[in-house]
Every structure is written in structure tokens, then in C-alpha cells.
Amino acid sequence: NLLDFAFAGNFAFAGAHQPTTGTVVGRLARLLAQMLIE
């Protein structure tokens, strides 16, 4: 649903712009965003 997509997008955006990008959370956020976009 749209709220889930927006939340995941915000989560991925935050993860991509913080020093914790290399952490598991950052990787999962990017993976989730890619899955939703594709």
C-alpha cells in the first residue's frame, strides 16, 4: 500500500544519507526499496 511504500522510501532515504549506510539496517532498507520500485 502507498503508506508502506512512502515509509520504506523515507527509511531508505534516511539510511542512504547517514553514516550507517553500511550496516545491516541500511542494506535491508536499500534492498526493500529496490524490491518495491522494480
PDB file of N, CA and C in Angstrom:
ATOM      1  N   ASN A   1       0.832  -1.202   0.000  1.00  0.00           N
ATOM      2  CA  ASN A   1       0.000   0.000   0.000  1.00  0.00           C
ATOM      3  C   ASN A   1       0.859   1.241   0.000  1.00  0.00           C
ATOM      4  N   LEU A   2       0.243   2.362  -0.283  1.00  0.00           N
ATOM      5  CA  LEU A   2       1.001   3.591  -0.531  1.00  0.00           C
ATOM      6  C   LEU A   2       1.750   4.050   0.707  1.00  0.00           C
ATOM      7  N   LEU A   3       1.145   3.905   1.879  1.00  0.00           N
ATOM      8  CA  LEU A   3       1.820   4.327   3.110  1.00  0.00           C
ATOM      9  C   LEU A   3       3.062   3.486   3.356  1.00  0.00           C
ATOM     10  N   ASP A   4       2.957   2.186   3.077  1.00  0.00           N
ATOM     11  CA  ASP A   4       4.115   1.308   3.250  1.00  0.00           C
ATOM     12  C   ASP A   4       5.231   1.733   2.308  1.00  0.00           C
ATOM     13  N   PHE A   5       4.865   2.069   1.070  1.00  0.00           N
ATOM     14  CA  PHE A   5       5.861   2.490   0.086  1.00  0.00           C
ATOM     15  C   PHE A   5       6.531   3.782   0.528  1.00  0.00           C
ATOM     16  N   ALA A   6       5.741   4.733   1.016  1.00  0.00           N
ATOM     17  CA  ALA A   6       6.285   6.020   1.462  1.00  0.00           C
ATOM     18  C   ALA A   6       7.205   5.813   2.664  1.00  0.00           C
ATOM     19  N   PHE A   7       6.787   4.956   3.586  1.00  0.00           N
ATOM     20  CA  PHE A   7       7.602   4.683   4.766  1.00  0.00           C
ATOM     21  C   PHE A   7       8.929   4.049   4.364  1.00  0.00           C
ATOM     22  N   ALA A   8       8.856   3.070   3.474  1.00  0.00           N
ATOM     23  CA  ALA A   8      10.072   2.391   3.021  1.00  0.00           C
ATOM     24  C   ALA A   8      10.978   3.366   2.283  1.00  0.00           C
ATOM     25  N   GLY A   9      10.379   4.254   1.492  1.00  0.00           N
ATOM     26  CA  GLY A   9      11.162   5.247   0.764  1.00  0.00           C
ATOM     27  C   GLY A   9      11.878   6.184   1.712  1.00  0.00           C
ATOM     28  N   ASN A  10      11.163   6.657   2.728  1.00  0.00           N
ATOM     29  CA  ASN A  10      11.771   7.555   3.713  1.00  0.00           C
ATOM     30  C   ASN A  10      12.863   6.831   4.485  1.00  0.00           C
ATOM     31  N   PHE A  11      12.612   5.575   4.828  1.00  0.00           N
ATOM     32  CA  PHE A  11      13.577   4.772   5.576  1.00  0.00           C
ATOM     33  C   PHE A  11      14.848   4.572   4.752  1.00  0.00           C
ATOM     34  N   ALA A  12      14.673   4.252   3.465  1.00  0.00           N
ATOM     35  CA  ALA A  12      15.820   4.029   2.586  1.00  0.00           C
ATOM     36  C   ALA A  12      16.581   5.326   2.368  1.00  0.00           C
ATOM     37  N   PHE A  13      15.843   6.427   2.217  1.00  0.00           N
ATOM     38  CA  PHE A  13      16.479   7.728   2.007  1.00  0.00           C
ATOM     39  C   PHE A  13      17.319   8.098   3.219  1.00  0.00           C
ATOM     40  N   ALA A  14      16.762   7.903   4.404  1.00  0.00           N
ATOM     41  CA  ALA A  14      17.491   8.220   5.634  1.00  0.00           C
ATOM     42  C   ALA A  14      18.726   7.326   5.756  1.00  0.00           C
ATOM     43  N   GLY A  15      18.565   6.044   5.448  1.00  0.00           N
ATOM     44  CA  GLY A  15      19.680   5.118   5.548  1.00  0.00           C
ATOM     45  C   GLY A  15      20.792   5.455   4.565  1.00  0.00           C
ATOM     46  N   ALA A  16      20.414   5.971   3.399  1.00  0.00           N
ATOM     47  CA  ALA A  16      21.402   6.271   2.363  1.00  0.00           C
ATOM     48  C   ALA A  16      22.162   7.553   2.662  1.00  0.00           C
ATOM     49  N   HIS A  17      21.622   8.384   3.554  1.00  0.00           N
ATOM     50  CA  HIS A  17      22.248   9.670   3.821  1.00  0.00           C
ATOM     51  C   HIS A  17      22.798   9.770   5.241  1.00  0.00           C
ATOM     52  N   GLN A  18      23.016   8.610   5.858  1.00  0.00           N
ATOM     53  CA  GLN A  18      23.601   8.576   7.195  1.00  0.00           C
ATOM     54  C   GLN A  18      24.840   7.690   7.176  1.00  0.00           C
ATOM     55  N   PRO A  19      25.737   7.869   8.132  1.00  0.00           N
ATOM     56  CA  PRO A  19      26.972   7.080   8.187  1.00  0.00           C
ATOM     57  C   PRO A  19      26.722   5.588   8.393  1.00  0.00           C
ATOM     58  N   THR A  20      25.476   5.223   8.702  1.00  0.00           N
ATOM     59  CA  THR A  20      25.168   3.824   8.993  1.00  0.00           C
ATOM     60  C   THR A  20      24.752   3.069   7.735  1.00  0.00           C
ATOM     61  N   THR A  21      25.079   3.629   6.558  1.00  0.00           N
ATOM     62  CA  THR A  21      24.653   3.017   5.300  1.00  0.00           C
ATOM     63  C   THR A  21      25.173   1.589   5.171  1.00  0.00           C
ATOM     64  N   GLY A  22      26.369   1.332   5.706  1.00  0.00           N
ATOM     65  CA  GLY A  22      26.974   0.014   5.567  1.00  0.00           C
ATOM     66  C   GLY A  22      26.434  -1.012   6.543  1.00  0.00           C
ATOM     67  N   THR A  23      25.566  -0.599   7.441  1.00  0.00           N
ATOM     68  CA  THR A  23      25.039  -1.521   8.435  1.00  0.00           C
ATOM     69  C   THR A  23      23.970  -2.414   7.827  1.00  0.00           C
ATOM     70  N   VAL A  24      23.577  -3.416   8.566  1.00  0.00           N
ATOM     71  CA  VAL A  24      22.542  -4.338   8.100  1.00  0.00           C
ATOM     72  C   VAL A  24      21.249  -3.585   7.826  1.00  0.00           C
ATOM     73  N   VAL A  25      20.919  -2.636   8.690  1.00  0.00           N
ATOM     74  CA  VAL A  25      19.682  -1.875   8.517  1.00  0.00           C
ATOM     75  C   VAL A  25      19.715  -1.102   7.209  1.00  0.00           C
ATOM     76  N   GLY A  26      20.845  -0.469   6.927  1.00  0.00           N
ATOM     77  CA  GLY A  26      20.966   0.296   5.688  1.00  0.00           C
ATOM     78  C   GLY A  26      20.828  -0.598   4.465  1.00  0.00           C
ATOM     79  N   ARG A  27      21.455  -1.764   4.534  1.00  0.00           N
ATOM     80  CA  ARG A  27      21.389  -2.696   3.405  1.00  0.00           C
ATOM     81  C   ARG A  27      19.973  -3.202   3.200  1.00  0.00           C
ATOM     82  N   LEU A  28      19.296  -3.535   4.300  1.00  0.00           N
ATOM     83  CA  LEU A  28      17.923  -4.021   4.196  1.00  0.00           C
ATOM     84  C   LEU A  28      17.007  -2.939   3.644  1.00  0.00           C
ATOM     85  N   ALA A  29      17.248  -1.694   4.062  1.00  0.00           N
ATOM     86  CA  ALA A  29      16.422  -0.590   3.585  1.00  0.00           C
ATOM     87  C   ALA A  29      16.567  -0.426   2.080  1.00  0.00           C
ATOM     88  N   ARG A  30      17.804  -0.481   1.600  1.00  0.00           N
ATOM     89  CA  ARG A  30      18.027  -0.326   0.160  1.00  0.00           C
ATOM     90  C   ARG A  30      17.437  -1.509  -0.601  1.00  0.00           C
ATOM     91  N   LEU A  31      17.605  -2.715  -0.057  1.00  0.00           N
ATOM     92  CA  LEU A  31      17.064  -3.901  -0.713  1.00  0.00           C
ATOM     93  C   LEU A  31      15.548  -3.820  -0.802  1.00  0.00           C
ATOM     94  N   LEU A  32      14.915  -3.414   0.290  1.00  0.00           N
ATOM     95  CA  LEU A  32      13.469  -3.291   0.310  1.00  0.00           C
ATOM     96  C   LEU A  32      13.006  -2.252  -0.700  1.00  0.00           C
ATOM     97  N   ALA A  33      13.702  -1.132  -0.761  1.00  0.00           N
ATOM     98  CA  ALA A  33      13.339  -0.074  -1.700  1.00  0.00           C
ATOM     99  C   ALA A  33      13.454  -0.576  -3.139  1.00  0.00           C
ATOM    100  N   GLN A  34      14.516  -1.306  -3.444  1.00  0.00           N
ATOM    101  CA  GLN A  34      14.698  -1.840  -4.795  1.00  0.00           C
ATOM    102  C   GLN A  34      13.578  -2.809  -5.145  1.00  0.00           C
ATOM    103  N   MET A  35      13.197  -3.661  -4.202  1.00  0.00           N
ATOM    104  CA  MET A  35      12.135  -4.632  -4.440  1.00  0.00           C
ATOM    105  C   MET A  35      10.816  -3.933  -4.717  1.00  0.00           C
ATOM    106  N   LEU A  36      10.550  -2.836  -3.994  1.00  0.00           N
ATOM    107  CA  LEU A  36       9.289  -2.123  -4.171  1.00  0.00           C
ATOM    108  C   LEU A  36       9.264  -1.360  -5.490  1.00  0.00           C
ATOM    109  N   ILE A  37      10.410  -0.804  -5.875  1.00  0.00           N
ATOM    110  CA  ILE A  37      10.466   0.011  -7.086  1.00  0.00           C
ATOM    111  C   ILE A  37      10.375  -0.858  -8.338  1.00  0.00           C
ATOM    112  N   GLU A  38      11.041  -1.992  -8.336  1.00  0.00           N
ATOM    113  CA  GLU A  38      11.078  -2.833  -9.527  1.00  0.00           C
ATOM    114  C   GLU A  38       9.756  -3.547  -9.777  1.00  0.00           C
TER     115      GLU A  38
END
